[in-house]
Amino acid sequence: MKIKASNGKTYDVSSAPPGGEHVVRLGSDVVGGFIIEPETNKITKTTDAAGKKLLDEIADKFVDEGGGPVGIA
């Protein structure tokens, strides 16, 4: 799923099974990853180009746009 962040860039976020890691890419570069949990997003990795705050934003938008597991909204 493509997610446009507040920095104006569009990131590709991979699908993952419940409890699995969603990988975030900018072009062909992996910039981070997260796991969607019922109460929060667990950031699993980041690069200098994508800090925790940006990955939290991308994860929230991903869930808002229907990318989260069933029952998490």
N, C-alpha and C. Protein backbone atom coordinates (compact mmCIF):
# COMPACT_ATOMS: atom_id res chain seq x y z
N MET A 1 0.85 -1.16 0.00
CA MET A 1 0.00 0.00 0.00
C MET A 1 0.90 1.24 0.00
N LYS A 2 0.54 2.24 -0.76
CA LYS A 2 1.30 3.48 -0.80
C LYS A 2 0.73 4.46 0.23
N ILE A 3 1.61 5.05 1.02
CA ILE A 3 1.23 6.00 2.07
C ILE A 3 2.01 7.29 1.86
N LYS A 4 1.29 8.40 1.73
CA LYS A 4 1.94 9.71 1.60
C LYS A 4 2.10 10.31 2.99
N ALA A 5 3.32 10.63 3.36
CA ALA A 5 3.63 11.17 4.68
C ALA A 5 3.64 12.70 4.64
N SER A 6 3.70 13.31 5.79
CA SER A 6 3.68 14.76 5.91
C SER A 6 4.93 15.42 5.31
N ASN A 7 5.98 14.64 5.07
CA ASN A 7 7.18 15.19 4.45
C ASN A 7 7.05 15.28 2.93
N GLY A 8 5.87 14.89 2.40
CA GLY A 8 5.61 14.96 0.97
C GLY A 8 6.04 13.75 0.19
N LYS A 9 6.70 12.81 0.83
CA LYS A 9 7.17 11.60 0.14
C LYS A 9 6.14 10.49 0.27
N THR A 10 6.10 9.62 -0.73
CA THR A 10 5.18 8.49 -0.71
C THR A 10 5.98 7.21 -0.47
N TYR A 11 5.56 6.46 0.54
CA TYR A 11 6.25 5.24 0.96
C TYR A 11 5.41 4.03 0.60
N ASP A 12 6.08 2.93 0.26
CA ASP A 12 5.42 1.65 0.04
C ASP A 12 5.50 0.86 1.34
N VAL A 13 4.34 0.37 1.78
CA VAL A 13 4.28 -0.41 3.01
C VAL A 13 3.79 -1.80 2.65
N SER A 14 4.57 -2.81 3.03
CA SER A 14 4.22 -4.19 2.70
C SER A 14 3.10 -4.69 3.60
N SER A 15 2.39 -5.68 3.10
CA SER A 15 1.38 -6.37 3.91
C SER A 15 2.10 -7.36 4.81
N ALA A 16 1.46 -7.68 5.92
CA ALA A 16 2.02 -8.68 6.84
C ALA A 16 0.86 -9.34 7.57
N PRO A 17 1.03 -10.58 8.00
CA PRO A 17 -0.02 -11.22 8.80
C PRO A 17 -0.11 -10.56 10.16
N PRO A 18 -1.20 -10.76 10.90
CA PRO A 18 -1.30 -10.19 12.25
C PRO A 18 -0.07 -10.52 13.08
N GLY A 19 0.52 -9.51 13.68
CA GLY A 19 1.72 -9.69 14.49
C GLY A 19 3.00 -9.69 13.68
N GLY A 20 2.88 -9.61 12.35
CA GLY A 20 4.05 -9.61 11.48
C GLY A 20 4.56 -8.20 11.22
N GLU A 21 5.76 -8.13 10.68
CA GLU A 21 6.40 -6.84 10.42
C GLU A 21 6.02 -6.30 9.05
N HIS A 22 5.58 -5.04 9.03
CA HIS A 22 5.32 -4.31 7.80
C HIS A 22 6.61 -3.57 7.45
N VAL A 23 7.14 -3.80 6.26
CA VAL A 23 8.37 -3.16 5.82
C VAL A 23 8.02 -1.89 5.06
N VAL A 24 8.73 -0.80 5.38
CA VAL A 24 8.49 0.50 4.76
C VAL A 24 9.65 0.80 3.82
N ARG A 25 9.31 1.10 2.55
CA ARG A 25 10.33 1.40 1.54
C ARG A 25 10.07 2.76 0.92
N LEU A 26 11.16 3.41 0.57
CA LEU A 26 11.13 4.62 -0.24
C LEU A 26 11.89 4.27 -1.50
N GLY A 27 11.18 4.08 -2.60
CA GLY A 27 11.81 3.54 -3.80
C GLY A 27 12.23 2.12 -3.51
N SER A 28 13.48 1.80 -3.77
CA SER A 28 13.97 0.44 -3.51
C SER A 28 14.65 0.31 -2.15
N ASP A 29 14.74 1.42 -1.41
CA ASP A 29 15.43 1.41 -0.12
C ASP A 29 14.49 1.12 1.04
N VAL A 30 14.86 0.18 1.90
CA VAL A 30 14.11 -0.07 3.13
C VAL A 30 14.47 1.03 4.13
N VAL A 31 13.44 1.75 4.60
CA VAL A 31 13.70 2.84 5.56
C VAL A 31 13.21 2.51 6.96
N GLY A 32 12.47 1.42 7.10
CA GLY A 32 12.03 1.05 8.44
C GLY A 32 11.02 -0.07 8.40
N GLY A 33 10.48 -0.34 9.56
CA GLY A 33 9.47 -1.38 9.70
C GLY A 33 8.70 -1.18 10.98
N PHE A 34 7.49 -1.76 11.01
CA PHE A 34 6.67 -1.68 12.22
C PHE A 34 5.76 -2.89 12.32
N ILE A 35 5.30 -3.15 13.53
CA ILE A 35 4.32 -4.18 13.82
C ILE A 35 3.13 -3.48 14.44
N ILE A 36 1.93 -3.76 13.92
CA ILE A 36 0.71 -3.16 14.45
C ILE A 36 0.24 -4.00 15.62
N GLU A 37 0.10 -3.37 16.78
CA GLU A 37 -0.40 -4.03 17.98
C GLU A 37 -1.71 -3.35 18.37
N PRO A 38 -2.55 -4.01 19.17
CA PRO A 38 -3.85 -3.43 19.50
C PRO A 38 -3.80 -2.02 20.10
N GLU A 39 -2.82 -1.72 20.89
CA GLU A 39 -2.78 -0.42 21.57
C GLU A 39 -1.76 0.55 20.99
N THR A 40 -0.81 0.05 20.19
CA THR A 40 0.27 0.90 19.72
C THR A 40 0.91 0.30 18.47
N ASN A 41 1.81 1.03 17.89
CA ASN A 41 2.64 0.51 16.79
C ASN A 41 4.03 0.28 17.35
N LYS A 42 4.58 -0.88 17.10
CA LYS A 42 5.93 -1.20 17.57
C LYS A 42 6.89 -0.98 16.40
N ILE A 43 7.74 0.03 16.50
CA ILE A 43 8.72 0.30 15.46
C ILE A 43 9.84 -0.73 15.60
N THR A 44 10.12 -1.46 14.51
CA THR A 44 11.10 -2.54 14.59
C THR A 44 12.46 -2.14 14.06
N LYS A 45 12.49 -1.16 13.15
CA LYS A 45 13.78 -0.68 12.66
C LYS A 45 13.57 0.67 12.00
N THR A 46 14.61 1.49 12.00
CA THR A 46 14.56 2.79 11.34
C THR A 46 15.91 3.06 10.70
N THR A 47 15.91 4.02 9.79
CA THR A 47 17.16 4.53 9.23
C THR A 47 17.23 6.00 9.59
N ASP A 48 18.34 6.63 9.30
CA ASP A 48 18.47 8.06 9.57
C ASP A 48 17.43 8.86 8.79
N ALA A 49 17.07 8.37 7.60
CA ALA A 49 16.10 9.08 6.76
C ALA A 49 14.67 8.98 7.30
N ALA A 50 14.40 7.98 8.10
CA ALA A 50 13.05 7.78 8.65
C ALA A 50 13.14 7.52 10.14
N GLY A 51 12.89 8.54 10.91
CA GLY A 51 12.92 8.39 12.36
C GLY A 51 11.65 7.74 12.88
N LYS A 52 11.64 7.49 14.18
CA LYS A 52 10.50 6.84 14.83
C LYS A 52 9.21 7.63 14.61
N LYS A 53 9.28 8.95 14.70
CA LYS A 53 8.07 9.78 14.55
C LYS A 53 7.46 9.60 13.16
N LEU A 54 8.30 9.60 12.13
CA LEU A 54 7.81 9.42 10.77
C LEU A 54 7.21 8.02 10.59
N LEU A 55 7.85 7.01 11.13
CA LEU A 55 7.33 5.65 11.00
C LEU A 55 6.02 5.48 11.77
N ASP A 56 5.89 6.14 12.92
CA ASP A 56 4.62 6.13 13.65
C ASP A 56 3.51 6.75 12.80
N GLU A 57 3.83 7.86 12.15
CA GLU A 57 2.86 8.53 11.27
C GLU A 57 2.44 7.60 10.12
N ILE A 58 3.42 6.97 9.48
CA ILE A 58 3.13 6.07 8.37
C ILE A 58 2.29 4.89 8.85
N ALA A 59 2.61 4.33 10.00
CA ALA A 59 1.84 3.20 10.55
C ALA A 59 0.40 3.62 10.84
N ASP A 60 0.21 4.80 11.43
CA ASP A 60 -1.15 5.27 11.73
C ASP A 60 -1.95 5.47 10.45
N LYS A 61 -1.34 6.07 9.44
CA LYS A 61 -2.04 6.27 8.17
C LYS A 61 -2.34 4.93 7.49
N PHE A 62 -1.43 3.99 7.61
CA PHE A 62 -1.62 2.65 7.05
C PHE A 62 -2.87 2.00 7.65
N VAL A 63 -3.01 2.08 8.97
CA VAL A 63 -4.19 1.52 9.65
C VAL A 63 -5.44 2.30 9.25
N ASP A 64 -5.36 3.64 9.23
CA ASP A 64 -6.51 4.47 8.86
C ASP A 64 -7.03 4.16 7.46
N GLU A 65 -6.13 3.78 6.57
CA GLU A 65 -6.51 3.49 5.19
C GLU A 65 -6.87 2.01 4.97
N GLY A 66 -7.01 1.27 6.07
CA GLY A 66 -7.49 -0.11 5.99
C GLY A 66 -6.42 -1.17 5.90
N GLY A 67 -5.17 -0.83 6.17
CA GLY A 67 -4.10 -1.81 6.07
C GLY A 67 -3.87 -2.64 7.31
N GLY A 68 -4.54 -2.30 8.40
CA GLY A 68 -4.32 -3.02 9.66
C GLY A 68 -5.10 -4.32 9.72
N PRO A 69 -4.75 -5.16 10.67
CA PRO A 69 -5.47 -6.43 10.85
C PRO A 69 -6.92 -6.19 11.23
N VAL A 70 -7.76 -7.16 10.99
CA VAL A 70 -9.16 -7.08 11.36
C VAL A 70 -9.27 -6.80 12.84
N GLY A 71 -10.14 -5.86 13.22
CA GLY A 71 -10.35 -5.52 14.62
C GLY A 71 -9.49 -4.41 15.13
N ILE A 72 -8.50 -3.95 14.33
CA ILE A 72 -7.67 -2.83 14.74
C ILE A 72 -7.96 -1.68 13.80
N ALA A 73 -8.43 -0.59 14.38
CA ALA A 73 -8.76 0.58 13.57
C ALA A 73 -8.41 1.85 14.30
